[in-house]
């Protein structure tokens, strides 16, 4: 029998609320500038142009309640609160009207970004990986099955830093809705069970410093909290 030449990586997982079950994570896709007010604050046109995506790595996930180090090689880390969409099935060229059939459930995440490194990459026309896909850059809550809460399309999405609200929006402000995200992604990739989609962030993104406590949530989905060491 063949064996691994080095220890096999551990499969990243998220807990499923109210159970002992774990959700294995395959890939993480993130939707860029999916709230009009956030597109404006980042200096872009909020009109409904085709969505674009970038990826984080599954092992970038960090559970709610964690204390995480301030990342290296940056002086400008930003928070972006997002709803997480977790897929139970996948495929290619998924029709919009069938897209929600592929959703297992929902969670809350924070897309942490080394903004200064991202700005450098933008100027050079290079990918954003070093700004987005670094260690512990994706704090995430447990997942709530869609069978329990349905498919949220409205509801408050918010984030506070040290108790002061910084982001405060509503899911109904998303330019591209969840079925459209899934359908569009499935034209570029073969979506798989275990894929996560970070669905975009409202306005109010900003920097964090060591000692800051970030807390955020999505109505009827959940909350999460992390502290920077």
C-alpha atoms as a PDB file:
ATOM      1  CA  UNK A   1       0.000   0.000   0.000  1.00  0.00           C
ATOM      2  CA  UNK A   2       1.289   3.454  -0.909  1.00  0.00           C
ATOM      3  CA  UNK A   3       1.920   5.920   1.891  1.00  0.00           C
ATOM      4  CA  UNK A   4       2.452   9.650   2.119  1.00  0.00           C
ATOM      5  CA  UNK A   5       6.069  10.807   2.089  1.00  0.00           C
ATOM      6  CA  UNK A   6       5.184  13.579   4.540  1.00  0.00           C
ATOM      7  CA  UNK A   7       2.239  13.859   6.961  1.00  0.00           C
ATOM      8  CA  UNK A   8      -0.977  14.631   5.084  1.00  0.00           C
ATOM      9  CA  UNK A   9      -2.416  18.111   5.767  1.00  0.00           C
ATOM     10  CA  UNK A  10      -5.359  18.307   8.127  1.00  0.00           C
ATOM     11  CA  UNK A  11      -8.655  19.110   6.388  1.00  0.00           C
ATOM     12  CA  UNK A  12      -9.843  22.565   7.547  1.00  0.00           C
ATOM     13  CA  UNK A  13     -13.337  22.504   9.025  1.00  0.00           C
ATOM     14  CA  UNK A  14     -16.049  24.740  10.446  1.00  0.00           C
ATOM     15  CA  UNK A  15     -18.409  23.618  13.220  1.00  0.00           C
ATOM     16  CA  UNK A  16     -22.122  23.249  12.541  1.00  0.00           C
ATOM     17  CA  UNK A  17     -24.043  25.088  15.242  1.00  0.00           C
ATOM     18  CA  UNK A  18     -26.051  22.945  17.617  1.00  0.00           C
ATOM     19  CA  UNK A  19     -24.313  19.705  16.618  1.00  0.00           C
ATOM     20  CA  UNK A  20     -21.018  17.874  16.977  1.00  0.00           C
ATOM     21  CA  UNK A  21     -20.681  17.713  13.186  1.00  0.00           C
ATOM     22  CA  UNK A  22     -17.950  19.441  11.212  1.00  0.00           C
ATOM     23  CA  UNK A  23     -18.147  20.961   7.729  1.00  0.00           C
ATOM     24  CA  UNK A  24     -15.001  20.164   5.670  1.00  0.00           C
ATOM     25  CA  UNK A  25     -13.772  23.124   3.633  1.00  0.00           C
ATOM     26  CA  UNK A  26     -12.598  22.613   0.045  1.00  0.00           C
ATOM     27  CA  UNK A  27     -12.006  26.140  -1.300  1.00  0.00           C
ATOM     28  CA  UNK A  28     -12.771  29.726  -0.279  1.00  0.00           C
ATOM     29  CA  UNK A  29     -14.036  32.157  -2.912  1.00  0.00           C
ATOM     30  CA  UNK A  30     -14.517  35.859  -2.108  1.00  0.00           C
ATOM     31  CA  UNK A  31     -16.682  38.316  -4.029  1.00  0.00           C
ATOM     32  CA  UNK A  32     -15.106  41.734  -4.544  1.00  0.00           C
ATOM     33  CA  UNK A  33     -16.959  45.039  -4.094  1.00  0.00           C
ATOM     34  CA  UNK A  34     -20.415  43.465  -3.797  1.00  0.00           C
ATOM     35  CA  UNK A  35     -21.984  46.304  -1.774  1.00  0.00           C
ATOM     36  CA  UNK A  36     -22.491  49.579  -3.651  1.00  0.00           C
ATOM     37  CA  UNK A  37     -21.420  51.794  -0.736  1.00  0.00           C
ATOM     38  CA  UNK A  38     -18.241  49.782  -0.260  1.00  0.00           C
ATOM     39  CA  UNK A  39     -17.435  50.022  -3.985  1.00  0.00           C
ATOM     40  CA  UNK A  40     -17.791  53.804  -3.715  1.00  0.00           C
ATOM     41  CA  UNK A  41     -15.566  54.068  -0.624  1.00  0.00           C
ATOM     42  CA  UNK A  42     -12.902  52.058  -2.444  1.00  0.00           C
ATOM     43  CA  UNK A  43     -13.051  54.482  -5.380  1.00  0.00           C
ATOM     44  CA  UNK A  44     -15.001  52.331  -7.840  1.00  0.00           C
ATOM     45  CA  UNK A  45     -18.227  52.634  -9.818  1.00  0.00           C
ATOM     46  CA  UNK A  46     -21.030  50.784  -7.957  1.00  0.00           C
ATOM     47  CA  UNK A  47     -23.003  50.078 -11.117  1.00  0.00           C
ATOM     48  CA  UNK A  48     -23.919  46.462 -11.729  1.00  0.00           C
ATOM     49  CA  UNK A  49     -20.913  45.253 -13.686  1.00  0.00           C
ATOM     50  CA  UNK A  50     -19.959  41.551 -13.834  1.00  0.00           C
ATOM     51  CA  UNK A  51     -18.801  40.278 -10.424  1.00  0.00           C
ATOM     52  CA  UNK A  52     -15.164  39.413  -9.816  1.00  0.00           C
ATOM     53  CA  UNK A  53     -13.653  36.945  -7.400  1.00  0.00           C
ATOM     54  CA  UNK A  54     -10.452  36.148  -5.555  1.00  0.00           C
ATOM     55  CA  UNK A  55      -9.538  33.258  -3.262  1.00  0.00           C
ATOM     56  CA  UNK A  56      -8.317  32.627   0.228  1.00  0.00           C
ATOM     57  CA  UNK A  57      -6.911  29.289   1.315  1.00  0.00           C
ATOM     58  CA  UNK A  58      -8.939  26.902   3.483  1.00  0.00           C
ATOM     59  CA  UNK A  59      -6.174  26.871   6.103  1.00  0.00           C
ATOM     60  CA  UNK A  60      -6.502  30.667   6.428  1.00  0.00           C
ATOM     61  CA  UNK A  61      -9.639  30.010   8.516  1.00  0.00           C
ATOM     62  CA  UNK A  62      -9.487  30.775  12.225  1.00  0.00           C
ATOM     63  CA  UNK A  63     -12.352  30.062  14.655  1.00  0.00           C
ATOM     64  CA  UNK A  64     -14.357  32.673  16.483  1.00  0.00           C
ATOM     65  CA  UNK A  65     -12.978  33.410  19.930  1.00  0.00           C
ATOM     66  CA  UNK A  66      -9.364  33.243  18.785  1.00  0.00           C
ATOM     67  CA  UNK A  67      -6.563  35.656  19.568  1.00  0.00           C
ATOM     68  CA  UNK A  68      -4.528  36.187  16.422  1.00  0.00           C
ATOM     69  CA  UNK A  69      -1.188  37.907  15.876  1.00  0.00           C
ATOM     70  CA  UNK A  70      -0.901  41.124  13.924  1.00  0.00           C
ATOM     71  CA  UNK A  71       0.415  39.883  10.555  1.00  0.00           C
ATOM     72  CA  UNK A  72       3.948  40.518   9.404  1.00  0.00           C
ATOM     73  CA  UNK A  73       5.103  42.724   6.517  1.00  0.00           C
ATOM     74  CA  UNK A  74       2.252  45.208   6.928  1.00  0.00           C
ATOM     75  CA  UNK A  75       1.290  48.316   8.855  1.00  0.00           C
ATOM     76  CA  UNK A  76      -2.283  48.556   7.559  1.00  0.00           C
ATOM     77  CA  UNK A  77      -4.528  45.543   8.170  1.00  0.00           C
ATOM     78  CA  UNK A  78      -8.229  46.116   7.403  1.00  0.00           C
ATOM     79  CA  UNK A  79     -11.375  44.237   8.483  1.00  0.00           C
ATOM     80  CA  UNK A  80     -14.266  43.378   6.131  1.00  0.00           C
ATOM     81  CA  UNK A  81     -17.318  41.666   7.654  1.00  0.00           C
ATOM     82  CA  UNK A  82     -19.053  39.185   5.330  1.00  0.00           C
ATOM     83  CA  UNK A  83     -21.742  36.521   5.209  1.00  0.00           C
ATOM     84  CA  UNK A  84     -20.383  33.069   4.376  1.00  0.00           C
ATOM     85  CA  UNK A  85     -22.249  30.763   2.001  1.00  0.00           C
ATOM     86  CA  UNK A  86     -21.344  27.071   2.406  1.00  0.00           C
ATOM     87  CA  UNK A  87     -22.035  24.643  -0.449  1.00  0.00           C
ATOM     88  CA  UNK A  88     -23.142  21.030   0.035  1.00  0.00           C
ATOM     89  CA  UNK A  89     -23.064  20.186  -3.684  1.00  0.00           C
ATOM     90  CA  UNK A  90     -21.447  21.731  -6.721  1.00  0.00           C
ATOM     91  CA  UNK A  91     -21.142  21.510 -10.466  1.00  0.00           C
ATOM     92  CA  UNK A  92     -20.565  23.515 -13.629  1.00  0.00           C
ATOM     93  CA  UNK A  93     -22.835  26.132 -15.208  1.00  0.00           C
ATOM     94  CA  UNK A  94     -25.392  26.038 -12.403  1.00  0.00           C
ATOM     95  CA  UNK A  95     -28.621  27.875 -13.352  1.00  0.00           C
ATOM     96  CA  UNK A  96     -29.512  30.822 -11.115  1.00  0.00           C
ATOM     97  CA  UNK A  97     -32.907  29.309 -10.327  1.00  0.00           C
ATOM     98  CA  UNK A  98     -31.240  26.099  -9.070  1.00  0.00           C
ATOM     99  CA  UNK A  99     -28.320  27.711  -7.246  1.00  0.00           C
ATOM    100  CA  UNK A 100     -29.781  27.745  -3.727  1.00  0.00           C
ATOM    101  CA  UNK A 101     -30.336  23.975  -3.939  1.00  0.00           C
ATOM    102  CA  UNK A 102     -26.552  23.656  -3.574  1.00  0.00           C
ATOM    103  CA  UNK A 103     -26.319  25.613  -0.299  1.00  0.00           C
ATOM    104  CA  UNK A 104     -25.744  23.774   2.970  1.00  0.00           C
ATOM    105  CA  UNK A 105     -25.875  26.815   5.206  1.00  0.00           C
ATOM    106  CA  UNK A 106     -24.536  30.183   6.227  1.00  0.00           C
ATOM    107  CA  UNK A 107     -22.004  31.716   8.580  1.00  0.00           C
ATOM    108  CA  UNK A 108     -20.176  34.932   9.420  1.00  0.00           C
ATOM    109  CA  UNK A 109     -16.628  35.733   8.359  1.00  0.00           C
ATOM    110  CA  UNK A 110     -14.089  38.542   8.360  1.00  0.00           C
ATOM    111  CA  UNK A 111     -11.916  39.055   5.303  1.00  0.00           C
ATOM    112  CA  UNK A 112      -8.704  40.460   6.785  1.00  0.00           C
ATOM    113  CA  UNK A 113      -6.588  42.328   4.235  1.00  0.00           C
ATOM    114  CA  UNK A 114      -3.043  43.671   4.308  1.00  0.00           C
ATOM    115  CA  UNK A 115      -4.270  46.842   2.592  1.00  0.00           C
ATOM    116  CA  UNK A 116      -0.854  48.406   2.007  1.00  0.00           C
ATOM    117  CA  UNK A 117       0.351  45.266   0.241  1.00  0.00           C
ATOM    118  CA  UNK A 118      -2.859  45.136  -1.771  1.00  0.00           C
ATOM    119  CA  UNK A 119      -2.349  48.718  -2.910  1.00  0.00           C
ATOM    120  CA  UNK A 120       1.167  47.876  -4.090  1.00  0.00           C
ATOM    121  CA  UNK A 121      -0.093  44.871  -6.043  1.00  0.00           C
ATOM    122  CA  UNK A 122      -2.853  46.930  -7.653  1.00  0.00           C
ATOM    123  CA  UNK A 123      -0.333  49.516  -8.864  1.00  0.00           C
ATOM    124  CA  UNK A 124       1.777  46.763 -10.404  1.00  0.00           C
ATOM    125  CA  UNK A 125      -1.193  44.932 -11.920  1.00  0.00           C
ATOM    126  CA  UNK A 126      -0.410  41.819  -9.889  1.00  0.00           C
ATOM    127  CA  UNK A 127      -2.642  39.314  -8.046  1.00  0.00           C
ATOM    128  CA  UNK A 128      -3.754  40.070  -4.501  1.00  0.00           C
ATOM    129  CA  UNK A 129      -2.695  36.778  -2.904  1.00  0.00           C
ATOM    130  CA  UNK A 130      -0.106  38.225  -0.515  1.00  0.00           C
ATOM    131  CA  UNK A 131      -2.683  40.749   0.710  1.00  0.00           C
ATOM    132  CA  UNK A 132      -5.626  38.384   1.073  1.00  0.00           C
ATOM    133  CA  UNK A 133      -4.492  34.771   1.499  1.00  0.00           C
ATOM    134  CA  UNK A 134      -2.097  34.884   4.435  1.00  0.00           C
ATOM    135  CA  UNK A 135      -2.217  32.911   7.676  1.00  0.00           C
ATOM    136  CA  UNK A 136      -5.262  33.504   9.919  1.00  0.00           C
ATOM    137  CA  UNK A 137      -6.774  36.002   7.479  1.00  0.00           C
ATOM    138  CA  UNK A 138     -10.253  34.452   7.525  1.00  0.00           C
ATOM    139  CA  UNK A 139     -11.920  34.402  10.963  1.00  0.00           C
ATOM    140  CA  UNK A 140     -15.189  32.478  10.714  1.00  0.00           C
ATOM    141  CA  UNK A 141     -18.137  31.481  12.848  1.00  0.00           C
ATOM    142  CA  UNK A 142     -19.832  28.125  12.875  1.00  0.00           C
ATOM    143  CA  UNK A 143     -22.385  27.381  10.162  1.00  0.00           C
ATOM    144  CA  UNK A 144     -26.163  27.348  10.476  1.00  0.00           C
ATOM    145  CA  UNK A 145     -27.958  24.961   8.066  1.00  0.00           C
ATOM    146  CA  UNK A 146     -30.274  26.542   5.525  1.00  0.00           C
ATOM    147  CA  UNK A 147     -32.804  23.925   6.576  1.00  0.00           C
ATOM    148  CA  UNK A 148     -33.131  25.853   9.847  1.00  0.00           C
ATOM    149  CA  UNK A 149     -32.977  29.501   8.727  1.00  0.00           C
ATOM    150  CA  UNK A 150     -33.784  29.481   5.023  1.00  0.00           C
ATOM    151  CA  UNK A 151     -31.715  31.623   2.672  1.00  0.00           C
ATOM    152  CA  UNK A 152     -31.077  35.113   4.125  1.00  0.00           C
ATOM    153  CA  UNK A 153     -31.457  37.907   1.587  1.00  0.00           C
ATOM    154  CA  UNK A 154     -32.189  40.734   4.015  1.00  0.00           C
ATOM    155  CA  UNK A 155     -30.966  41.505   7.503  1.00  0.00           C
ATOM    156  CA  UNK A 156     -28.345  43.513   9.323  1.00  0.00           C
ATOM    157  CA  UNK A 157     -24.646  42.833   8.750  1.00  0.00           C
ATOM    158  CA  UNK A 158     -22.331  44.688  11.120  1.00  0.00           C
ATOM    159  CA  UNK A 159     -18.903  44.875  12.734  1.00  0.00           C
ATOM    160  CA  UNK A 160     -17.578  46.713  15.782  1.00  0.00           C
ATOM    161  CA  UNK A 161     -14.043  47.432  16.942  1.00  0.00           C
ATOM    162  CA  UNK A 162     -13.646  47.675  20.731  1.00  0.00           C
ATOM    163  CA  UNK A 163     -17.418  48.096  21.030  1.00  0.00           C
ATOM    164  CA  UNK A 164     -17.685  50.920  18.475  1.00  0.00           C
ATOM    165  CA  UNK A 165     -19.733  50.090  15.381  1.00  0.00           C
ATOM    166  CA  UNK A 166     -17.706  50.532  12.204  1.00  0.00           C
ATOM    167  CA  UNK A 167     -19.718  48.650   9.560  1.00  0.00           C
ATOM    168  CA  UNK A 168     -23.511  48.559   9.524  1.00  0.00           C
ATOM    169  CA  UNK A 169     -25.387  47.447   6.413  1.00  0.00           C
ATOM    170  CA  UNK A 170     -28.080  45.101   5.170  1.00  0.00           C
ATOM    171  CA  UNK A 171     -27.854  41.991   3.015  1.00  0.00           C
ATOM    172  CA  UNK A 172     -30.413  43.542   0.657  1.00  0.00           C
ATOM    173  CA  UNK A 173     -27.670  46.000  -0.391  1.00  0.00           C
ATOM    174  CA  UNK A 174     -25.682  43.262  -2.131  1.00  0.00           C
ATOM    175  CA  UNK A 175     -25.283  44.028  -5.834  1.00  0.00           C
ATOM    176  CA  UNK A 176     -25.011  40.347  -6.730  1.00  0.00           C
ATOM    177  CA  UNK A 177     -27.286  38.052  -4.745  1.00  0.00           C
ATOM    178  CA  UNK A 178     -26.284  34.603  -3.533  1.00  0.00           C
ATOM    179  CA  UNK A 179     -27.851  32.641  -6.428  1.00  0.00           C
ATOM    180  CA  UNK A 180     -26.104  34.893  -8.936  1.00  0.00           C
ATOM    181  CA  UNK A 181     -22.745  34.488  -7.187  1.00  0.00           C
ATOM    182  CA  UNK A 182     -23.030  30.709  -7.280  1.00  0.00           C
ATOM    183  CA  UNK A 183     -24.178  30.646 -10.903  1.00  0.00           C
ATOM    184  CA  UNK A 184     -21.381  32.972 -12.049  1.00  0.00           C
ATOM    185  CA  UNK A 185     -18.658  31.150 -10.093  1.00  0.00           C
ATOM    186  CA  UNK A 186     -19.779  27.848 -11.605  1.00  0.00           C
ATOM    187  CA  UNK A 187     -19.012  29.169 -15.085  1.00  0.00           C
ATOM    188  CA  UNK A 188     -15.358  29.697 -14.108  1.00  0.00           C
ATOM    189  CA  UNK A 189     -14.825  26.751 -11.749  1.00  0.00           C
ATOM    190  CA  UNK A 190     -16.297  23.339 -11.057  1.00  0.00           C
ATOM    191  CA  UNK A 191     -17.812  24.051  -7.676  1.00  0.00           C
ATOM    192  CA  UNK A 192     -17.457  21.316  -5.066  1.00  0.00           C
ATOM    193  CA  UNK A 193     -19.083  20.240  -1.807  1.00  0.00           C
ATOM    194  CA  UNK A 194     -17.239  22.100   0.934  1.00  0.00           C
ATOM    195  CA  UNK A 195     -16.704  25.314  -1.009  1.00  0.00           C
ATOM    196  CA  UNK A 196     -17.254  28.580   0.873  1.00  0.00           C
ATOM    197  CA  UNK A 197     -18.188  31.939  -0.614  1.00  0.00           C
ATOM    198  CA  UNK A 198     -17.457  35.147   1.305  1.00  0.00           C
ATOM    199  CA  UNK A 199     -20.285  37.258  -0.071  1.00  0.00           C
ATOM    200  CA  UNK A 200     -18.948  40.826   0.140  1.00  0.00           C
ATOM    201  CA  UNK A 201     -18.772  43.610   2.711  1.00  0.00           C
ATOM    202  CA  UNK A 202     -20.671  46.861   3.381  1.00  0.00           C
ATOM    203  CA  UNK A 203     -19.010  50.264   3.750  1.00  0.00           C
ATOM    204  CA  UNK A 204     -16.951  51.195   6.788  1.00  0.00           C
ATOM    205  CA  UNK A 205     -13.877  49.003   6.339  1.00  0.00           C
ATOM    206  CA  UNK A 206     -10.877  50.244   8.241  1.00  0.00           C
ATOM    207  CA  UNK A 207      -7.651  49.434  10.084  1.00  0.00           C
ATOM    208  CA  UNK A 208      -6.999  47.392  13.186  1.00  0.00           C
ATOM    209  CA  UNK A 209      -4.168  47.601  15.688  1.00  0.00           C
ATOM    210  CA  UNK A 210      -2.769  45.223  18.277  1.00  0.00           C
ATOM    211  CA  UNK A 211      -5.169  44.852  21.193  1.00  0.00           C
ATOM    212  CA  UNK A 212      -8.304  45.510  19.142  1.00  0.00           C
ATOM    213  CA  UNK A 213     -11.338  43.288  19.645  1.00  0.00           C
ATOM    214  CA  UNK A 214     -13.409  42.726  16.500  1.00  0.00           C
ATOM    215  CA  UNK A 215     -16.987  41.526  16.835  1.00  0.00           C
ATOM    216  CA  UNK A 216     -19.444  41.149  13.994  1.00  0.00           C
ATOM    217  CA  UNK A 217     -22.582  39.407  12.922  1.00  0.00           C
ATOM    218  CA  UNK A 218     -25.305  38.761  10.389  1.00  0.00           C
ATOM    219  CA  UNK A 219     -28.938  38.819  11.501  1.00  0.00           C
ATOM    220  CA  UNK A 220     -30.446  35.345  11.948  1.00  0.00           C
ATOM    221  CA  UNK A 221     -27.085  33.732  11.045  1.00  0.00           C
ATOM    222  CA  UNK A 222     -24.704  34.360  13.914  1.00  0.00           C
ATOM    223  CA  UNK A 223     -21.827  36.343  15.350  1.00  0.00           C
ATOM    224  CA  UNK A 224     -18.074  36.013  15.735  1.00  0.00           C
ATOM    225  CA  UNK A 225     -15.321  37.686  17.734  1.00  0.00           C
ATOM    226  CA  UNK A 226     -11.517  37.791  17.434  1.00  0.00           C
ATOM    227  CA  UNK A 227      -8.811  39.706  19.265  1.00  0.00           C
ATOM    228  CA  UNK A 228      -5.528  40.965  17.837  1.00  0.00           C
ATOM    229  CA  UNK A 229      -2.554  40.208  20.050  1.00  0.00           C
END
